[in-house]
């Protein structure tokens, strides 16, 4: 059994135990990269807990000789495609592919993944539109999905601010004039403050007489 297979046997139950899926496992030189996924997304708390469990299990069983670094993360918005299962799950998605050197045609293939099976894939390329290209897995150097952002807002004028006349009218409606106490030119609000118990009227204020 290969080292990656032994590592996978150790890690898969740990991933499943906290409700995640093992999307990919890649052992490259001194780096072990573990990608986990979930229909509802993966939060940092789950990543932290899984990293702790994997690290403890690898220390206990020691399936990897020598020193290595462990990276546990989610695949992200643009995820690598390495196995037939990855391609099957990505059917209907936009992907970009780089083929191996020496293969006929352009080495860069971008379009929609329309078919995937155990032998290879079919991509409906962007240029020329509608054309399809069939690739065996052995023809692919690397591939990934492409995340498409939503359409940008159409350029146009900024929303118009209310006209000065409308703004003034609105302000006038929002703040009605204060009533005037009979026999005085002083608004009732000032009269009330001047007659408040325990206060002395300002010499500049006119207090209405009863």
N, C-alpha and C. Protein backbone atom coordinates (compact mmCIF):
# COMPACT_ATOMS: atom_id res chain seq x y z
N UNK A 1 0.84 -1.20 0.00
CA UNK A 1 0.00 0.00 0.00
C UNK A 1 0.88 1.25 0.00
N UNK A 2 0.54 2.21 -0.83
CA UNK A 2 1.34 3.43 -0.94
C UNK A 2 1.13 4.31 0.30
N UNK A 3 2.07 5.22 0.49
CA UNK A 3 1.97 6.12 1.64
C UNK A 3 0.70 6.98 1.58
N UNK A 4 0.36 7.60 0.42
CA UNK A 4 -0.89 8.37 0.39
C UNK A 4 -2.13 7.54 0.74
N UNK A 5 -2.13 6.26 0.31
CA UNK A 5 -3.27 5.40 0.64
C UNK A 5 -3.35 5.13 2.14
N UNK A 6 -2.20 4.92 2.78
CA UNK A 6 -2.19 4.69 4.23
C UNK A 6 -2.67 5.94 4.97
N UNK A 7 -2.22 7.09 4.50
CA UNK A 7 -2.65 8.35 5.12
C UNK A 7 -4.15 8.54 4.94
N UNK A 8 -4.66 8.23 3.76
CA UNK A 8 -6.10 8.39 3.50
C UNK A 8 -6.92 7.50 4.44
N UNK A 9 -6.48 6.26 4.66
CA UNK A 9 -7.20 5.37 5.56
C UNK A 9 -7.27 5.92 6.98
N UNK A 10 -6.23 6.63 7.38
CA UNK A 10 -6.21 7.22 8.72
C UNK A 10 -7.11 8.45 8.81
N UNK A 11 -7.13 9.24 7.74
CA UNK A 11 -7.78 10.54 7.79
C UNK A 11 -9.28 10.48 7.50
N UNK A 12 -9.69 9.61 6.58
CA UNK A 12 -11.11 9.56 6.18
C UNK A 12 -12.07 9.42 7.37
N UNK A 13 -11.83 8.51 8.32
CA UNK A 13 -12.77 8.41 9.46
C UNK A 13 -12.79 9.68 10.32
N UNK A 14 -11.66 10.34 10.43
CA UNK A 14 -11.60 11.56 11.23
C UNK A 14 -12.43 12.67 10.58
N UNK A 15 -12.35 12.75 9.26
CA UNK A 15 -13.11 13.76 8.53
C UNK A 15 -14.61 13.49 8.65
N UNK A 16 -14.98 12.23 8.44
CA UNK A 16 -16.39 11.86 8.51
C UNK A 16 -16.96 12.05 9.92
N UNK A 17 -16.12 11.89 10.93
CA UNK A 17 -16.57 11.96 12.32
C UNK A 17 -17.07 13.35 12.68
N UNK A 18 -16.59 14.40 12.00
CA UNK A 18 -17.08 15.74 12.31
C UNK A 18 -17.99 16.27 11.20
N UNK A 19 -18.50 15.35 10.37
CA UNK A 19 -19.52 15.71 9.40
C UNK A 19 -19.02 16.36 8.13
N UNK A 20 -17.78 16.10 7.74
CA UNK A 20 -17.22 16.67 6.52
C UNK A 20 -16.91 15.58 5.50
N UNK A 21 -16.63 16.01 4.26
CA UNK A 21 -16.23 15.09 3.20
C UNK A 21 -14.77 15.33 2.86
N UNK A 22 -14.03 14.26 2.63
CA UNK A 22 -12.64 14.40 2.20
C UNK A 22 -12.63 14.64 0.69
N UNK A 23 -12.39 15.90 0.30
CA UNK A 23 -12.41 16.25 -1.11
C UNK A 23 -11.13 15.80 -1.81
N UNK A 24 -10.00 16.01 -1.18
CA UNK A 24 -8.72 15.65 -1.81
C UNK A 24 -7.65 15.51 -0.75
N UNK A 25 -6.69 14.68 -1.08
CA UNK A 25 -5.51 14.48 -0.23
C UNK A 25 -4.30 14.40 -1.15
N UNK A 26 -3.33 15.25 -0.91
CA UNK A 26 -2.15 15.29 -1.78
C UNK A 26 -0.89 15.32 -0.93
N UNK A 27 -0.04 14.33 -1.14
CA UNK A 27 1.24 14.25 -0.45
C UNK A 27 2.33 14.54 -1.47
N UNK A 28 2.92 15.72 -1.34
CA UNK A 28 3.91 16.15 -2.32
C UNK A 28 5.19 16.55 -1.60
N UNK A 29 6.19 15.67 -1.67
CA UNK A 29 7.44 15.93 -0.98
C UNK A 29 7.22 16.01 0.52
N UNK A 30 7.56 17.16 1.10
CA UNK A 30 7.39 17.33 2.55
C UNK A 30 6.12 18.05 2.92
N UNK A 31 5.10 17.99 2.07
CA UNK A 31 3.84 18.69 2.36
C UNK A 31 2.66 17.75 2.19
N UNK A 32 1.81 17.70 3.20
CA UNK A 32 0.57 16.94 3.14
C UNK A 32 -0.58 17.94 3.12
N UNK A 33 -1.32 17.95 2.02
CA UNK A 33 -2.43 18.89 1.87
C UNK A 33 -3.74 18.11 1.91
N UNK A 34 -4.62 18.48 2.84
CA UNK A 34 -5.91 17.83 3.03
C UNK A 34 -7.00 18.86 2.76
N UNK A 35 -7.86 18.57 1.79
CA UNK A 35 -8.98 19.46 1.47
C UNK A 35 -10.27 18.79 1.87
N UNK A 36 -11.08 19.49 2.64
CA UNK A 36 -12.36 18.95 3.11
C UNK A 36 -13.49 19.86 2.67
N UNK A 37 -14.66 19.27 2.50
CA UNK A 37 -15.79 20.02 1.97
C UNK A 37 -17.06 19.62 2.70
N UNK A 38 -18.10 20.43 2.50
CA UNK A 38 -19.41 20.15 3.09
C UNK A 38 -20.45 20.93 2.30
N UNK A 39 -21.64 20.37 2.11
CA UNK A 39 -22.68 21.11 1.38
C UNK A 39 -22.99 22.47 1.97
N UNK A 40 -22.89 22.60 3.28
CA UNK A 40 -23.17 23.87 3.93
C UNK A 40 -21.95 24.74 4.14
N UNK A 41 -20.79 24.32 3.61
CA UNK A 41 -19.56 25.08 3.82
C UNK A 41 -18.80 24.57 5.03
N UNK A 42 -17.57 25.01 5.16
CA UNK A 42 -16.69 24.57 6.25
C UNK A 42 -16.24 25.80 7.03
N UNK A 43 -16.49 25.81 8.35
CA UNK A 43 -16.06 26.96 9.14
C UNK A 43 -14.69 26.70 9.77
N UNK A 44 -14.11 27.78 10.29
CA UNK A 44 -12.76 27.68 10.83
C UNK A 44 -12.69 26.80 12.07
N UNK A 45 -13.78 26.75 12.83
CA UNK A 45 -13.78 25.89 14.00
C UNK A 45 -13.60 24.43 13.63
N UNK A 46 -14.29 23.99 12.56
CA UNK A 46 -14.16 22.61 12.10
C UNK A 46 -12.76 22.34 11.57
N UNK A 47 -12.20 23.31 10.84
CA UNK A 47 -10.84 23.15 10.30
C UNK A 47 -9.83 23.00 11.44
N UNK A 48 -9.97 23.83 12.46
CA UNK A 48 -9.05 23.77 13.60
C UNK A 48 -9.14 22.44 14.33
N UNK A 49 -10.36 21.98 14.58
CA UNK A 49 -10.54 20.70 15.27
C UNK A 49 -10.00 19.54 14.44
N UNK A 50 -10.27 19.55 13.13
CA UNK A 50 -9.80 18.47 12.28
C UNK A 50 -8.28 18.46 12.19
N UNK A 51 -7.66 19.61 12.11
CA UNK A 51 -6.20 19.69 12.07
C UNK A 51 -5.59 19.06 13.31
N UNK A 52 -6.20 19.35 14.47
CA UNK A 52 -5.70 18.78 15.72
C UNK A 52 -5.81 17.26 15.71
N UNK A 53 -6.95 16.74 15.25
CA UNK A 53 -7.14 15.28 15.25
C UNK A 53 -6.22 14.59 14.26
N UNK A 54 -6.06 15.18 13.08
CA UNK A 54 -5.19 14.56 12.07
C UNK A 54 -3.74 14.55 12.56
N UNK A 55 -3.30 15.67 13.11
CA UNK A 55 -1.92 15.76 13.60
C UNK A 55 -1.65 14.72 14.67
N UNK A 56 -2.59 14.54 15.60
CA UNK A 56 -2.42 13.56 16.67
C UNK A 56 -2.38 12.13 16.10
N UNK A 57 -3.24 11.83 15.11
CA UNK A 57 -3.26 10.50 14.52
C UNK A 57 -1.98 10.20 13.74
N UNK A 58 -1.48 11.19 13.01
CA UNK A 58 -0.24 10.98 12.25
C UNK A 58 0.94 10.79 13.19
N UNK A 59 0.96 11.51 14.30
CA UNK A 59 2.04 11.32 15.28
C UNK A 59 1.99 9.92 15.88
N UNK A 60 0.79 9.43 16.09
CA UNK A 60 0.62 8.11 16.72
C UNK A 60 0.99 6.97 15.79
N UNK A 61 0.56 7.05 14.51
CA UNK A 61 0.78 5.94 13.58
C UNK A 61 2.01 6.11 12.69
N UNK A 62 2.49 7.34 12.55
CA UNK A 62 3.70 7.65 11.80
C UNK A 62 3.74 7.02 10.40
N UNK A 63 2.74 7.32 9.54
CA UNK A 63 2.74 6.71 8.20
C UNK A 63 3.67 7.41 7.21
N UNK A 64 4.16 8.59 7.56
CA UNK A 64 5.00 9.37 6.65
C UNK A 64 6.40 9.47 7.24
N UNK A 65 7.37 9.03 6.49
CA UNK A 65 8.76 9.10 6.97
C UNK A 65 9.30 10.51 6.78
N UNK A 66 10.11 10.95 7.73
CA UNK A 66 10.72 12.27 7.64
C UNK A 66 9.78 13.37 8.08
N UNK A 67 10.28 14.60 7.96
CA UNK A 67 9.50 15.75 8.38
C UNK A 67 8.55 16.17 7.26
N UNK A 68 7.40 16.70 7.65
CA UNK A 68 6.44 17.19 6.67
C UNK A 68 5.58 18.27 7.32
N UNK A 69 4.96 19.07 6.48
CA UNK A 69 4.02 20.09 6.96
C UNK A 69 2.60 19.65 6.61
N UNK A 70 1.67 19.95 7.50
CA UNK A 70 0.27 19.57 7.32
C UNK A 70 -0.55 20.83 7.04
N UNK A 71 -1.33 20.78 5.98
CA UNK A 71 -2.24 21.87 5.64
C UNK A 71 -3.65 21.31 5.48
N UNK A 72 -4.57 21.81 6.28
CA UNK A 72 -5.98 21.40 6.20
C UNK A 72 -6.80 22.63 5.85
N UNK A 73 -7.59 22.54 4.78
CA UNK A 73 -8.39 23.67 4.35
C UNK A 73 -9.56 23.19 3.51
N UNK A 74 -10.42 24.13 3.11
CA UNK A 74 -11.51 23.81 2.19
C UNK A 74 -11.00 24.05 0.77
N UNK A 75 -11.66 23.46 -0.24
CA UNK A 75 -11.18 23.63 -1.62
C UNK A 75 -11.25 25.06 -2.11
N UNK A 76 -12.13 25.86 -1.54
CA UNK A 76 -12.26 27.23 -1.98
C UNK A 76 -13.24 27.37 -3.14
N UNK A 77 -13.39 28.58 -3.63
CA UNK A 77 -14.33 28.85 -4.73
C UNK A 77 -13.84 28.24 -6.03
N UNK A 78 -12.54 28.27 -6.27
CA UNK A 78 -11.96 27.64 -7.45
C UNK A 78 -11.15 26.44 -6.97
N UNK A 79 -11.68 25.26 -7.24
CA UNK A 79 -11.10 24.06 -6.66
C UNK A 79 -10.34 23.22 -7.68
N UNK A 80 -9.27 22.57 -7.26
CA UNK A 80 -8.50 21.72 -8.18
C UNK A 80 -9.30 20.49 -8.59
N UNK A 81 -9.05 20.04 -9.80
CA UNK A 81 -9.67 18.81 -10.32
C UNK A 81 -8.56 17.81 -10.59
N UNK A 82 -8.54 16.74 -9.81
CA UNK A 82 -7.44 15.77 -9.96
C UNK A 82 -7.94 14.35 -10.20
N UNK A 83 -9.12 14.02 -9.71
CA UNK A 83 -9.62 12.65 -9.82
C UNK A 83 -10.88 12.63 -10.69
N UNK A 84 -11.23 11.45 -11.24
CA UNK A 84 -12.49 11.36 -11.99
C UNK A 84 -13.69 11.83 -11.18
N UNK A 85 -13.69 11.53 -9.88
CA UNK A 85 -14.78 11.97 -9.03
C UNK A 85 -14.90 13.48 -8.97
N UNK A 86 -13.76 14.17 -8.95
CA UNK A 86 -13.78 15.64 -8.96
C UNK A 86 -14.46 16.15 -10.22
N UNK A 87 -14.10 15.57 -11.36
CA UNK A 87 -14.67 16.03 -12.62
C UNK A 87 -16.17 15.73 -12.70
N UNK A 88 -16.57 14.58 -12.21
CA UNK A 88 -17.99 14.23 -12.23
C UNK A 88 -18.79 15.24 -11.41
N UNK A 89 -18.28 15.61 -10.25
CA UNK A 89 -18.97 16.56 -9.39
C UNK A 89 -19.01 17.96 -10.00
N UNK A 90 -18.05 18.23 -10.88
CA UNK A 90 -17.96 19.58 -11.47
C UNK A 90 -18.69 19.71 -12.79
N UNK A 91 -19.38 18.66 -13.25
CA UNK A 91 -20.10 18.74 -14.53
C UNK A 91 -21.11 19.89 -14.50
N UNK A 92 -21.10 20.66 -15.57
CA UNK A 92 -21.95 21.83 -15.66
C UNK A 92 -21.25 23.11 -15.22
N UNK A 93 -20.04 22.98 -14.66
CA UNK A 93 -19.30 24.15 -14.19
C UNK A 93 -18.31 24.63 -15.24
N UNK A 94 -17.92 25.89 -15.10
CA UNK A 94 -16.85 26.43 -15.92
C UNK A 94 -15.52 25.92 -15.38
N UNK A 95 -14.64 25.47 -16.28
CA UNK A 95 -13.34 24.98 -15.85
C UNK A 95 -12.26 25.51 -16.79
N UNK A 96 -11.04 25.45 -16.32
CA UNK A 96 -9.89 25.73 -17.17
C UNK A 96 -8.92 24.57 -17.05
N UNK A 97 -8.35 24.18 -18.17
CA UNK A 97 -7.49 23.00 -18.23
C UNK A 97 -6.18 23.36 -18.92
N UNK A 98 -5.08 22.82 -18.41
CA UNK A 98 -3.80 22.92 -19.10
C UNK A 98 -3.39 21.51 -19.48
N UNK A 99 -3.19 21.27 -20.76
CA UNK A 99 -2.86 19.92 -21.23
C UNK A 99 -1.36 19.69 -21.16
N UNK A 100 -0.96 18.43 -21.34
CA UNK A 100 0.46 18.08 -21.31
C UNK A 100 1.15 18.60 -22.58
N UNK A 101 2.45 18.84 -22.52
CA UNK A 101 3.16 19.30 -23.71
C UNK A 101 3.09 18.26 -24.85
N UNK A 102 3.05 18.74 -26.09
CA UNK A 102 3.06 17.86 -27.25
C UNK A 102 1.70 17.42 -27.73
N UNK A 103 0.64 17.74 -26.99
CA UNK A 103 -0.70 17.35 -27.41
C UNK A 103 -1.20 18.31 -28.49
N UNK A 104 -1.90 17.77 -29.48
CA UNK A 104 -2.44 18.62 -30.54
C UNK A 104 -3.41 19.65 -29.98
N UNK A 105 -3.39 20.83 -30.59
CA UNK A 105 -4.31 21.88 -30.17
C UNK A 105 -3.69 22.75 -29.08
N UNK A 106 -4.46 23.74 -28.68
CA UNK A 106 -4.00 24.66 -27.65
C UNK A 106 -3.84 23.96 -26.31
N UNK A 107 -2.82 24.35 -25.57
CA UNK A 107 -2.61 23.75 -24.25
C UNK A 107 -3.57 24.35 -23.21
N UNK A 108 -4.15 25.48 -23.50
CA UNK A 108 -5.10 26.11 -22.59
C UNK A 108 -6.52 25.87 -23.10
N UNK A 109 -7.31 25.22 -22.28
CA UNK A 109 -8.69 24.92 -22.65
C UNK A 109 -9.60 25.51 -21.58
N UNK A 110 -10.51 26.38 -22.00
CA UNK A 110 -11.45 27.00 -21.07
C UNK A 110 -12.86 26.85 -21.61
N UNK A 111 -13.78 26.45 -20.74
CA UNK A 111 -15.16 26.28 -21.17
C UNK A 111 -15.98 25.58 -20.11
N UNK A 112 -17.08 24.99 -20.53
CA UNK A 112 -17.99 24.30 -19.62
C UNK A 112 -17.75 22.80 -19.68
N UNK A 113 -17.58 22.19 -18.52
CA UNK A 113 -17.42 20.74 -18.46
C UNK A 113 -18.78 20.08 -18.65
N UNK A 114 -18.95 19.40 -19.78
CA UNK A 114 -20.27 18.83 -20.09
C UNK A 114 -20.35 17.33 -19.84
N UNK A 115 -19.20 16.64 -19.86
CA UNK A 115 -19.20 15.19 -19.61
C UNK A 115 -17.94 14.80 -18.87
N UNK A 116 -18.06 13.75 -18.03
CA UNK A 116 -16.92 13.20 -17.31
C UNK A 116 -17.22 11.76 -16.95
N UNK A 117 -16.26 10.87 -17.19
CA UNK A 117 -16.42 9.46 -16.80
C UNK A 117 -15.08 8.94 -16.31
N UNK A 118 -14.92 7.63 -16.29
CA UNK A 118 -13.68 7.05 -15.77
C UNK A 118 -12.49 7.25 -16.69
N UNK A 119 -12.74 7.61 -17.95
CA UNK A 119 -11.65 7.72 -18.92
C UNK A 119 -11.22 9.15 -19.22
N UNK A 120 -12.14 10.08 -19.19
CA UNK A 120 -11.79 11.44 -19.55
C UNK A 120 -12.97 12.37 -19.49
N UNK A 121 -12.81 13.53 -20.13
CA UNK A 121 -13.82 14.59 -20.04
C UNK A 121 -14.11 15.17 -21.42
N UNK A 122 -15.23 15.88 -21.50
CA UNK A 122 -15.59 16.64 -22.69
C UNK A 122 -15.88 18.06 -22.25
N UNK A 123 -15.20 19.02 -22.90
CA UNK A 123 -15.36 20.43 -22.56
C UNK A 123 -15.93 21.17 -23.76
N UNK A 124 -17.00 21.92 -23.53
CA UNK A 124 -17.52 22.81 -24.55
C UNK A 124 -16.77 24.13 -24.42
N UNK A 125 -15.87 24.38 -25.37
CA UNK A 125 -14.93 25.48 -25.23
C UNK A 125 -15.61 26.82 -25.50
N UNK A 126 -14.99 27.87 -24.98
CA UNK A 126 -15.52 29.22 -25.16
C UNK A 126 -15.24 29.76 -26.56
N UNK A 127 -14.05 29.43 -27.06
CA UNK A 127 -13.66 29.89 -28.40
C UNK A 127 -13.05 28.74 -29.18
N UNK A 128 -13.57 28.43 -30.40
CA UNK A 128 -14.80 28.98 -30.98
C UNK A 128 -16.04 28.45 -30.26
N UNK A 129 -17.02 29.29 -30.10
CA UNK A 129 -18.21 28.96 -29.32
C UNK A 129 -18.91 27.73 -29.88
N UNK A 130 -19.33 26.84 -28.96
CA UNK A 130 -20.08 25.66 -29.36
C UNK A 130 -19.22 24.46 -29.70
N UNK A 131 -17.94 24.64 -29.88
CA UNK A 131 -17.06 23.51 -30.21
C UNK A 131 -16.73 22.73 -28.95
N UNK A 132 -16.60 21.41 -29.09
CA UNK A 132 -16.29 20.56 -27.94
C UNK A 132 -14.93 19.89 -28.12
N UNK A 133 -14.25 19.73 -27.00
CA UNK A 133 -12.94 19.07 -27.03
C UNK A 133 -12.93 17.94 -26.02
N UNK A 134 -12.51 16.79 -26.47
CA UNK A 134 -12.46 15.59 -25.62
C UNK A 134 -11.03 15.38 -25.17
N UNK A 135 -10.86 15.12 -23.88
CA UNK A 135 -9.53 14.94 -23.31
C UNK A 135 -9.53 13.72 -22.40
N UNK A 136 -8.51 12.87 -22.55
CA UNK A 136 -8.30 11.77 -21.60
C UNK A 136 -7.61 12.34 -20.37
N UNK A 137 -7.78 11.68 -19.24
CA UNK A 137 -7.15 12.18 -18.03
C UNK A 137 -5.64 12.25 -18.15
N UNK A 138 -5.08 11.33 -18.93
CA UNK A 138 -3.63 11.35 -19.14
C UNK A 138 -3.16 12.53 -19.97
N UNK A 139 -4.09 13.21 -20.65
CA UNK A 139 -3.74 14.39 -21.44
C UNK A 139 -3.73 15.67 -20.62
N UNK A 140 -4.19 15.59 -19.38
CA UNK A 140 -4.36 16.79 -18.55
C UNK A 140 -3.20 16.94 -17.57
N UNK A 141 -2.56 18.09 -17.63
CA UNK A 141 -1.50 18.39 -16.67
C UNK A 141 -2.09 18.91 -15.36
N UNK A 142 -3.02 19.83 -15.46
CA UNK A 142 -3.75 20.31 -14.28
C UNK A 142 -5.03 20.99 -14.73
N UNK A 143 -5.99 21.06 -13.80
CA UNK A 143 -7.29 21.67 -14.12
C UNK A 143 -7.92 22.16 -12.83
N UNK A 144 -8.83 23.11 -12.98
CA UNK A 144 -9.55 23.65 -11.82
C UNK A 144 -10.87 24.24 -12.29
N UNK A 145 -11.79 24.38 -11.35
CA UNK A 145 -13.04 25.06 -11.66
C UNK A 145 -12.79 26.57 -11.68
N UNK A 146 -13.70 27.28 -12.32
CA UNK A 146 -13.60 28.74 -12.40
C UNK A 146 -14.84 29.33 -11.75
N UNK A 147 -14.63 30.14 -10.74
CA UNK A 147 -15.76 30.79 -10.07
C UNK A 147 -16.18 32.01 -10.87
N UNK A 148 -17.49 32.09 -11.15
CA UNK A 148 -18.01 33.21 -11.91
C UNK A 148 -18.72 34.17 -10.97
N UNK A 149 -18.22 35.40 -10.92
CA UNK A 149 -18.86 36.43 -10.12
C UNK A 149 -20.15 36.86 -10.80
N UNK A 150 -21.05 37.40 -10.02
CA UNK A 150 -22.32 37.88 -10.57
C UNK A 150 -22.08 39.02 -11.54
N UNK A 151 -23.06 39.32 -12.41
CA UNK A 151 -22.88 40.39 -13.39
C UNK A 151 -22.68 41.73 -12.72
N UNK A 152 -21.75 42.51 -13.27
CA UNK A 152 -21.49 43.84 -12.72
C UNK A 152 -22.67 44.76 -13.00
N UNK A 153 -22.94 45.70 -12.11
CA UNK A 153 -24.05 46.61 -12.35
C UNK A 153 -23.81 47.43 -13.61
N UNK A 154 -24.88 47.68 -14.37
CA UNK A 154 -24.74 48.43 -15.61
C UNK A 154 -24.37 49.87 -15.29
N UNK A 155 -23.45 50.42 -16.11
CA UNK A 155 -23.06 51.81 -15.85
C UNK A 155 -24.24 52.75 -16.07
N UNK A 156 -24.35 53.77 -15.28
CA UNK A 156 -25.45 54.72 -15.41
C UNK A 156 -25.24 55.88 -14.49
N UNK A 157 -26.19 56.77 -14.46
CA UNK A 157 -26.08 57.95 -13.62
C UNK A 157 -26.38 57.59 -12.17
N UNK A 158 -25.73 58.33 -11.31
CA UNK A 158 -25.99 58.14 -9.88
C UNK A 158 -27.40 58.60 -9.56
N UNK A 159 -28.04 58.00 -8.55
CA UNK A 159 -29.39 58.42 -8.19
C UNK A 159 -29.45 59.92 -7.94
N UNK A 160 -30.49 60.55 -8.47
CA UNK A 160 -30.64 61.98 -8.30
C UNK A 160 -31.03 62.30 -6.87
N UNK A 161 -30.39 63.33 -6.33
CA UNK A 161 -30.78 63.77 -5.00
C UNK A 161 -32.03 64.64 -5.11
N UNK A 162 -32.83 64.72 -4.07
CA UNK A 162 -34.05 65.54 -4.15
C UNK A 162 -33.71 66.97 -4.48
N UNK A 163 -34.55 67.64 -5.24
CA UNK A 163 -34.31 69.04 -5.58
C UNK A 163 -34.39 69.88 -4.32
N UNK A 164 -33.78 71.06 -4.41
CA UNK A 164 -33.75 71.92 -3.23
C UNK A 164 -35.15 72.31 -2.80
N UNK A 165 -36.04 72.55 -3.80
CA UNK A 165 -37.40 72.91 -3.45
C UNK A 165 -38.12 71.78 -2.73
N UNK A 166 -37.94 70.55 -3.24
CA UNK A 166 -38.58 69.40 -2.59
C UNK A 166 -38.03 69.20 -1.19
N UNK A 167 -36.70 69.40 -1.04
CA UNK A 167 -36.08 69.21 0.27
C UNK A 167 -36.61 70.23 1.26
N UNK A 168 -36.76 71.48 0.78
CA UNK A 168 -37.28 72.51 1.67
C UNK A 168 -38.72 72.22 2.08
N UNK A 169 -39.51 71.75 1.08
CA UNK A 169 -40.91 71.45 1.39
C UNK A 169 -41.01 70.32 2.41
N UNK A 170 -40.14 69.32 2.23
CA UNK A 170 -40.14 68.18 3.16
C UNK A 170 -39.75 68.63 4.56
N UNK A 171 -38.76 69.53 4.62
CA UNK A 171 -38.32 70.02 5.92
C UNK A 171 -39.43 70.81 6.59
N UNK A 172 -40.13 71.58 5.77
CA UNK A 172 -41.22 72.38 6.34
C UNK A 172 -42.32 71.50 6.88
N UNK A 173 -42.63 70.39 6.17
CA UNK A 173 -43.67 69.48 6.64
C UNK A 173 -43.24 68.76 7.90
N UNK A 174 -41.94 68.47 8.00
CA UNK A 174 -41.43 67.71 9.15
C UNK A 174 -41.37 68.57 10.41
N UNK A 175 -41.24 69.90 10.25
CA UNK A 175 -41.12 70.77 11.43
C UNK A 175 -42.15 71.89 11.36
N UNK A 176 -43.39 71.65 11.77
CA UNK A 176 -44.44 72.68 11.73
C UNK A 176 -44.12 73.82 12.68
N UNK A 177 -44.65 74.97 12.36
CA UNK A 177 -44.39 76.15 13.19
C UNK A 177 -45.00 75.97 14.57
N UNK A 178 -44.32 76.54 15.57
CA UNK A 178 -44.80 76.44 16.92
C UNK A 178 -45.97 77.40 17.14
N UNK A 179 -46.96 77.01 17.92
CA UNK A 179 -48.10 77.91 18.17
C UNK A 179 -47.68 79.12 18.98
N UNK A 180 -48.36 80.21 18.78
CA UNK A 180 -48.06 81.45 19.51
C UNK A 180 -49.10 81.64 20.60
N UNK A 181 -48.64 81.97 21.80
CA UNK A 181 -49.55 82.21 22.92
C UNK A 181 -50.28 83.51 22.69
N UNK A 182 -51.59 83.52 22.85
CA UNK A 182 -52.34 84.76 22.65
C UNK A 182 -51.79 85.91 23.48
N UNK A 183 -51.70 87.06 22.85
CA UNK A 183 -51.22 88.25 23.54
C UNK A 183 -49.73 88.36 23.61
N UNK A 184 -49.02 87.54 22.92
CA UNK A 184 -47.57 87.58 22.97
C UNK A 184 -47.01 87.16 21.64
N UNK A 185 -45.84 87.71 21.29
CA UNK A 185 -45.15 87.31 20.07
C UNK A 185 -44.16 86.20 20.34
N UNK A 186 -44.09 85.74 21.58
CA UNK A 186 -43.13 84.70 21.97
C UNK A 186 -43.73 83.33 21.76
N UNK A 187 -43.04 82.40 21.09
CA UNK A 187 -43.57 81.03 20.92
C UNK A 187 -43.84 80.39 22.27
N UNK A 188 -44.84 79.49 22.28
CA UNK A 188 -45.24 78.85 23.53
C UNK A 188 -44.12 78.07 24.16
N UNK A 189 -43.20 77.54 23.36
CA UNK A 189 -42.10 76.77 23.92
C UNK A 189 -41.24 77.61 24.83
N UNK A 190 -40.96 78.86 24.42
CA UNK A 190 -40.14 79.73 25.25
C UNK A 190 -40.89 80.14 26.51
N UNK A 191 -42.15 80.36 26.37
CA UNK A 191 -42.93 80.74 27.55
C UNK A 191 -42.91 79.63 28.58
N UNK A 192 -43.04 78.40 28.12
CA UNK A 192 -43.03 77.27 29.04
C UNK A 192 -41.71 77.17 29.77
N UNK A 193 -40.61 77.36 29.07
CA UNK A 193 -39.30 77.29 29.72
C UNK A 193 -39.13 78.42 30.72
N UNK A 194 -39.66 79.63 30.37
CA UNK A 194 -39.49 80.78 31.26
C UNK A 194 -40.28 80.59 32.54
N UNK A 195 -41.46 79.93 32.45
CA UNK A 195 -42.32 79.76 33.62
C UNK A 195 -42.06 78.47 34.37
N UNK A 196 -41.00 77.72 33.99
CA UNK A 196 -40.74 76.47 34.68
C UNK A 196 -40.39 76.76 36.12
N UNK A 197 -40.99 76.04 37.10
CA UNK A 197 -40.71 76.31 38.52
C UNK A 197 -39.23 76.20 38.82
N UNK A 198 -38.74 77.12 39.62
CA UNK A 198 -37.35 77.06 40.05
C UNK A 198 -36.38 77.68 39.08
N UNK A 199 -36.87 78.36 38.02
CA UNK A 199 -35.98 78.98 37.06
C UNK A 199 -36.27 80.45 37.00
N UNK A 200 -35.32 81.20 36.56
CA UNK A 200 -35.46 82.64 36.42
C UNK A 200 -35.50 83.00 34.96
N UNK A 201 -36.50 83.71 34.51
CA UNK A 201 -36.58 84.06 33.09
C UNK A 201 -35.37 84.87 32.66
N UNK A 202 -34.92 84.62 31.46
CA UNK A 202 -33.83 85.40 30.89
C UNK A 202 -34.32 86.80 30.64
N UNK A 203 -33.49 87.82 30.87
CA UNK A 203 -33.94 89.20 30.62
C UNK A 203 -34.28 89.44 29.17
N UNK A 204 -33.76 88.60 28.25
CA UNK A 204 -34.04 88.77 26.85
C UNK A 204 -35.33 88.09 26.43
N UNK A 205 -35.95 87.32 27.29
CA UNK A 205 -37.16 86.61 26.96
C UNK A 205 -38.37 87.39 27.45
N UNK A 206 -39.40 87.41 26.64
CA UNK A 206 -40.64 88.06 27.01
C UNK A 206 -41.61 87.03 27.54
N UNK A 207 -42.00 87.16 28.74
CA UNK A 207 -42.90 86.20 29.36
C UNK A 207 -44.30 86.75 29.26
N UNK A 208 -45.21 85.99 28.65
CA UNK A 208 -46.57 86.50 28.51
C UNK A 208 -47.26 86.65 29.84
N UNK A 209 -48.03 87.69 29.97
CA UNK A 209 -48.79 87.90 31.21
C UNK A 209 -50.12 87.19 31.11
N UNK A 210 -50.61 86.75 32.24
CA UNK A 210 -51.87 86.02 32.25
C UNK A 210 -53.03 86.99 32.19
